[in-house]
Amino acid sequence: MIINDFLTADLLTTFWGLIAGTVLVVQFTKPLVKDRFSDVAVRVYTFIISLILTFVFAKQGTGIQDIILTVLNAITVSIGAMGSYEIIVDPFAEKEKEDI
């Protein structure tokens, strides 16, 4: 991938492409979620976006094992998306701890 290329379906079939797509969608729409819900909801929202993108672009198959593998891949994509945002964009942010 050259840096001036747009996202493509081929790129979204890769691990890093799914992370980039998830980060883009979540960061673009996060104010809508954060205005109404807590930071935990943003993590769940990130997983839902990564799950949708993984099922659309990188689905492994149709059997139960393939579906579980796709869900596990979506979990790794969502963790990668959250981690890449924390490291690149917001490395020194101090998070507030919520009382349970």
N, C-alpha and C. Protein backbone atom coordinates (compact mmCIF):
# COMPACT_ATOMS: atom_id res chain seq x y z
N MET A 1 0.84 -1.18 0.00
CA MET A 1 0.00 0.00 0.00
C MET A 1 0.88 1.24 0.00
N ILE A 2 0.60 2.13 -0.89
CA ILE A 2 1.27 3.42 -0.94
C ILE A 2 0.49 4.37 -0.06
N ILE A 3 1.18 5.28 0.57
CA ILE A 3 0.54 6.16 1.56
C ILE A 3 -0.58 7.02 0.97
N ASN A 4 -0.58 7.29 -0.35
CA ASN A 4 -1.65 8.12 -0.92
C ASN A 4 -2.85 7.30 -1.39
N ASP A 5 -2.83 6.00 -1.22
CA ASP A 5 -3.95 5.18 -1.65
C ASP A 5 -5.12 5.30 -0.67
N PHE A 6 -6.31 5.17 -1.22
CA PHE A 6 -7.50 5.12 -0.38
C PHE A 6 -7.66 3.70 0.17
N LEU A 7 -8.55 3.55 1.14
CA LEU A 7 -8.87 2.21 1.62
C LEU A 7 -9.56 1.44 0.51
N THR A 8 -9.20 0.19 0.39
CA THR A 8 -9.83 -0.68 -0.60
C THR A 8 -10.33 -1.93 0.10
N ALA A 9 -11.17 -2.67 -0.60
CA ALA A 9 -11.67 -3.93 -0.04
C ALA A 9 -10.52 -4.90 0.19
N ASP A 10 -9.53 -4.89 -0.70
CA ASP A 10 -8.37 -5.77 -0.51
C ASP A 10 -7.60 -5.40 0.75
N LEU A 11 -7.45 -4.12 1.01
CA LEU A 11 -6.75 -3.70 2.22
C LEU A 11 -7.53 -4.09 3.47
N LEU A 12 -8.86 -4.01 3.41
CA LEU A 12 -9.69 -4.35 4.56
C LEU A 12 -9.76 -5.85 4.84
N THR A 13 -9.16 -6.66 3.99
CA THR A 13 -9.08 -8.10 4.27
C THR A 13 -7.85 -8.42 5.10
N THR A 14 -6.99 -7.44 5.37
CA THR A 14 -5.80 -7.66 6.18
C THR A 14 -6.04 -7.20 7.62
N PHE A 15 -5.21 -7.70 8.52
CA PHE A 15 -5.32 -7.34 9.93
C PHE A 15 -5.15 -5.84 10.11
N TRP A 16 -4.10 -5.27 9.54
CA TRP A 16 -3.84 -3.83 9.70
C TRP A 16 -4.88 -2.99 8.99
N GLY A 17 -5.42 -3.47 7.88
CA GLY A 17 -6.49 -2.75 7.20
C GLY A 17 -7.76 -2.70 8.03
N LEU A 18 -8.08 -3.82 8.69
CA LEU A 18 -9.25 -3.84 9.57
C LEU A 18 -9.06 -2.93 10.78
N ILE A 19 -7.84 -2.88 11.32
CA ILE A 19 -7.57 -1.96 12.42
C ILE A 19 -7.75 -0.52 11.96
N ALA A 20 -7.19 -0.19 10.80
CA ALA A 20 -7.32 1.18 10.28
C ALA A 20 -8.78 1.53 10.03
N GLY A 21 -9.54 0.64 9.43
CA GLY A 21 -10.95 0.89 9.18
C GLY A 21 -11.74 1.06 10.46
N THR A 22 -11.44 0.22 11.46
CA THR A 22 -12.13 0.33 12.75
C THR A 22 -11.82 1.66 13.43
N VAL A 23 -10.54 2.04 13.44
CA VAL A 23 -10.15 3.30 14.06
C VAL A 23 -10.83 4.47 13.36
N LEU A 24 -10.87 4.47 12.05
CA LEU A 24 -11.50 5.56 11.31
C LEU A 24 -12.98 5.69 11.64
N VAL A 25 -13.70 4.58 11.61
CA VAL A 25 -15.14 4.63 11.88
C VAL A 25 -15.41 5.05 13.32
N VAL A 26 -14.67 4.45 14.26
CA VAL A 26 -14.92 4.74 15.67
C VAL A 26 -14.57 6.19 15.99
N GLN A 27 -13.43 6.67 15.52
CA GLN A 27 -13.05 8.05 15.85
C GLN A 27 -13.98 9.06 15.20
N PHE A 28 -14.51 8.75 14.04
CA PHE A 28 -15.44 9.65 13.36
C PHE A 28 -16.78 9.72 14.08
N THR A 29 -17.22 8.60 14.65
CA THR A 29 -18.55 8.54 15.26
C THR A 29 -18.52 8.52 16.79
N LYS A 30 -17.35 8.50 17.39
CA LYS A 30 -17.24 8.39 18.85
C LYS A 30 -17.94 9.49 19.62
N PRO A 31 -17.95 10.73 19.17
CA PRO A 31 -18.67 11.75 19.94
C PRO A 31 -20.15 11.41 20.15
N LEU A 32 -20.76 10.75 19.20
CA LEU A 32 -22.16 10.35 19.36
C LEU A 32 -22.34 9.35 20.49
N VAL A 33 -21.37 8.46 20.65
CA VAL A 33 -21.45 7.44 21.69
C VAL A 33 -21.04 8.02 23.04
N LYS A 34 -19.95 8.79 23.04
CA LYS A 34 -19.41 9.32 24.30
C LYS A 34 -20.32 10.34 24.96
N ASP A 35 -21.13 11.03 24.19
CA ASP A 35 -22.07 11.99 24.77
C ASP A 35 -23.13 11.32 25.64
N ARG A 36 -23.46 10.09 25.32
CA ARG A 36 -24.55 9.41 26.01
C ARG A 36 -24.10 8.30 26.94
N PHE A 37 -22.91 7.74 26.69
CA PHE A 37 -22.49 6.56 27.44
C PHE A 37 -21.08 6.75 28.00
N SER A 38 -20.62 5.78 28.79
CA SER A 38 -19.30 5.84 29.42
C SER A 38 -18.22 5.32 28.46
N ASP A 39 -16.97 5.35 28.96
CA ASP A 39 -15.85 4.84 28.16
C ASP A 39 -15.97 3.34 27.90
N VAL A 40 -16.60 2.62 28.79
CA VAL A 40 -16.79 1.18 28.58
C VAL A 40 -17.66 0.94 27.35
N ALA A 41 -18.65 1.77 27.17
CA ALA A 41 -19.53 1.64 25.99
C ALA A 41 -18.75 1.89 24.71
N VAL A 42 -17.76 2.77 24.76
CA VAL A 42 -16.94 3.02 23.57
C VAL A 42 -16.14 1.77 23.21
N ARG A 43 -15.68 1.05 24.22
CA ARG A 43 -14.96 -0.20 23.94
C ARG A 43 -15.87 -1.24 23.31
N VAL A 44 -17.09 -1.35 23.82
CA VAL A 44 -18.05 -2.29 23.23
C VAL A 44 -18.40 -1.84 21.82
N TYR A 45 -18.57 -0.55 21.62
CA TYR A 45 -18.85 0.00 20.29
C TYR A 45 -17.70 -0.31 19.32
N THR A 46 -16.46 -0.18 19.80
CA THR A 46 -15.30 -0.51 18.97
C THR A 46 -15.33 -1.98 18.57
N PHE A 47 -15.68 -2.86 19.50
CA PHE A 47 -15.78 -4.28 19.18
C PHE A 47 -16.88 -4.53 18.15
N ILE A 48 -18.02 -3.87 18.29
CA ILE A 48 -19.13 -4.07 17.34
C ILE A 48 -18.71 -3.64 15.94
N ILE A 49 -18.04 -2.50 15.83
CA ILE A 49 -17.57 -2.04 14.52
C ILE A 49 -16.56 -3.02 13.94
N SER A 50 -15.61 -3.48 14.76
CA SER A 50 -14.62 -4.44 14.25
C SER A 50 -15.28 -5.77 13.88
N LEU A 51 -16.31 -6.17 14.62
CA LEU A 51 -17.02 -7.41 14.30
C LEU A 51 -17.73 -7.29 12.94
N ILE A 52 -18.39 -6.17 12.72
CA ILE A 52 -19.07 -5.94 11.44
C ILE A 52 -18.06 -5.95 10.29
N LEU A 53 -16.98 -5.19 10.45
CA LEU A 53 -15.97 -5.13 9.38
C LEU A 53 -15.32 -6.49 9.14
N THR A 54 -15.06 -7.23 10.20
CA THR A 54 -14.43 -8.55 10.05
C THR A 54 -15.38 -9.52 9.37
N PHE A 55 -16.65 -9.51 9.73
CA PHE A 55 -17.60 -10.40 9.07
C PHE A 55 -17.79 -10.03 7.60
N VAL A 56 -17.74 -8.76 7.27
CA VAL A 56 -17.95 -8.34 5.88
C VAL A 56 -16.72 -8.60 5.02
N PHE A 57 -15.53 -8.27 5.55
CA PHE A 57 -14.33 -8.29 4.71
C PHE A 57 -13.40 -9.47 4.96
N ALA A 58 -13.44 -10.09 6.12
CA ALA A 58 -12.46 -11.15 6.41
C ALA A 58 -13.11 -12.37 7.05
N LYS A 59 -14.33 -12.67 6.66
CA LYS A 59 -15.03 -13.84 7.21
C LYS A 59 -14.30 -15.10 6.79
N GLN A 60 -14.16 -16.02 7.73
CA GLN A 60 -13.39 -17.23 7.48
C GLN A 60 -14.19 -18.32 6.77
N GLY A 61 -15.47 -18.40 7.00
CA GLY A 61 -16.30 -19.44 6.39
C GLY A 61 -17.69 -19.41 6.99
N THR A 62 -18.43 -20.54 6.86
CA THR A 62 -19.81 -20.55 7.34
C THR A 62 -20.06 -21.52 8.47
N GLY A 63 -19.11 -22.38 8.79
CA GLY A 63 -19.29 -23.33 9.89
C GLY A 63 -19.15 -22.65 11.24
N ILE A 64 -19.53 -23.36 12.29
CA ILE A 64 -19.47 -22.79 13.63
C ILE A 64 -18.03 -22.46 14.03
N GLN A 65 -17.07 -23.29 13.65
CA GLN A 65 -15.67 -23.01 13.95
C GLN A 65 -15.21 -21.74 13.24
N ASP A 66 -15.65 -21.58 12.01
CA ASP A 66 -15.27 -20.39 11.24
C ASP A 66 -15.88 -19.12 11.83
N ILE A 67 -17.11 -19.22 12.29
CA ILE A 67 -17.78 -18.06 12.90
C ILE A 67 -17.07 -17.68 14.20
N ILE A 68 -16.73 -18.68 15.01
CA ILE A 68 -16.00 -18.40 16.26
C ILE A 68 -14.64 -17.79 15.95
N LEU A 69 -13.96 -18.30 14.94
CA LEU A 69 -12.67 -17.74 14.55
C LEU A 69 -12.81 -16.30 14.08
N THR A 70 -13.87 -15.99 13.36
CA THR A 70 -14.11 -14.62 12.92
C THR A 70 -14.37 -13.70 14.12
N VAL A 71 -15.12 -14.18 15.10
CA VAL A 71 -15.37 -13.38 16.31
C VAL A 71 -14.06 -13.15 17.07
N LEU A 72 -13.23 -14.19 17.20
CA LEU A 72 -11.94 -14.03 17.87
C LEU A 72 -11.04 -13.05 17.12
N ASN A 73 -11.06 -13.11 15.80
CA ASN A 73 -10.29 -12.15 15.01
C ASN A 73 -10.81 -10.73 15.23
N ALA A 74 -12.12 -10.57 15.34
CA ALA A 74 -12.69 -9.25 15.60
C ALA A 74 -12.26 -8.72 16.97
N ILE A 75 -12.12 -9.62 17.93
CA ILE A 75 -11.64 -9.19 19.25
C ILE A 75 -10.21 -8.68 19.14
N THR A 76 -9.36 -9.39 18.41
CA THR A 76 -7.97 -8.92 18.26
C THR A 76 -7.91 -7.61 17.48
N VAL A 77 -8.78 -7.45 16.50
CA VAL A 77 -8.82 -6.19 15.75
C VAL A 77 -9.26 -5.05 16.65
N SER A 78 -10.28 -5.27 17.48
CA SER A 78 -10.74 -4.19 18.37
C SER A 78 -9.67 -3.83 19.40
N ILE A 79 -8.97 -4.81 19.93
CA ILE A 79 -7.88 -4.53 20.87
C ILE A 79 -6.77 -3.76 20.16
N GLY A 80 -6.45 -4.17 18.95
CA GLY A 80 -5.44 -3.45 18.16
C GLY A 80 -5.86 -2.02 17.85
N ALA A 81 -7.13 -1.83 17.55
CA ALA A 81 -7.62 -0.48 17.24
C ALA A 81 -7.58 0.42 18.47
N MET A 82 -8.00 -0.12 19.60
CA MET A 82 -7.96 0.68 20.84
C MET A 82 -6.53 0.97 21.25
N GLY A 83 -5.66 -0.01 21.12
CA GLY A 83 -4.26 0.17 21.50
C GLY A 83 -3.53 1.14 20.59
N SER A 84 -3.79 1.06 19.29
CA SER A 84 -3.11 1.97 18.36
C SER A 84 -3.54 3.41 18.60
N TYR A 85 -4.80 3.62 18.93
CA TYR A 85 -5.26 4.98 19.23
C TYR A 85 -4.57 5.49 20.48
N GLU A 86 -4.52 4.65 21.52
CA GLU A 86 -3.90 5.07 22.78
C GLU A 86 -2.42 5.42 22.58
N ILE A 87 -1.72 4.64 21.78
CA ILE A 87 -0.28 4.85 21.59
C ILE A 87 0.01 6.04 20.68
N ILE A 88 -0.73 6.16 19.58
CA ILE A 88 -0.41 7.18 18.58
C ILE A 88 -1.04 8.53 18.90
N VAL A 89 -2.30 8.56 19.21
CA VAL A 89 -3.02 9.82 19.35
C VAL A 89 -3.02 10.36 20.76
N ASP A 90 -3.16 9.49 21.74
CA ASP A 90 -3.39 9.95 23.10
C ASP A 90 -2.48 9.26 24.11
N PRO A 91 -1.14 9.32 23.93
CA PRO A 91 -0.26 8.52 24.78
C PRO A 91 -0.17 8.99 26.23
N PHE A 92 -0.43 10.26 26.50
CA PHE A 92 -0.26 10.77 27.86
C PHE A 92 -1.58 11.10 28.55
N ALA A 93 -2.66 10.58 28.02
CA ALA A 93 -3.98 10.86 28.61
C ALA A 93 -4.11 10.17 29.95
N GLU A 94 -4.68 10.90 30.88
CA GLU A 94 -4.97 10.30 32.18
C GLU A 94 -6.45 9.98 32.24
N LYS A 95 -6.74 8.72 32.39
CA LYS A 95 -8.12 8.25 32.40
C LYS A 95 -8.70 8.35 33.80
N GLU A 96 -9.99 8.69 33.84
CA GLU A 96 -10.69 8.70 35.11
C GLU A 96 -11.18 7.31 35.42
N LYS A 97 -11.02 6.89 36.64
CA LYS A 97 -11.51 5.57 37.06
C LYS A 97 -12.93 5.73 37.56
N GLU A 98 -13.80 4.84 37.08
CA GLU A 98 -15.18 4.87 37.49
C GLU A 98 -15.37 3.97 38.70
N ASP A 99 -16.13 4.45 39.68
CA ASP A 99 -16.45 3.63 40.84
C ASP A 99 -17.53 2.63 40.46
N ILE A 100 -17.35 1.42 40.92
CA ILE A 100 -18.32 0.37 40.59
C ILE A 100 -19.25 0.16 41.75
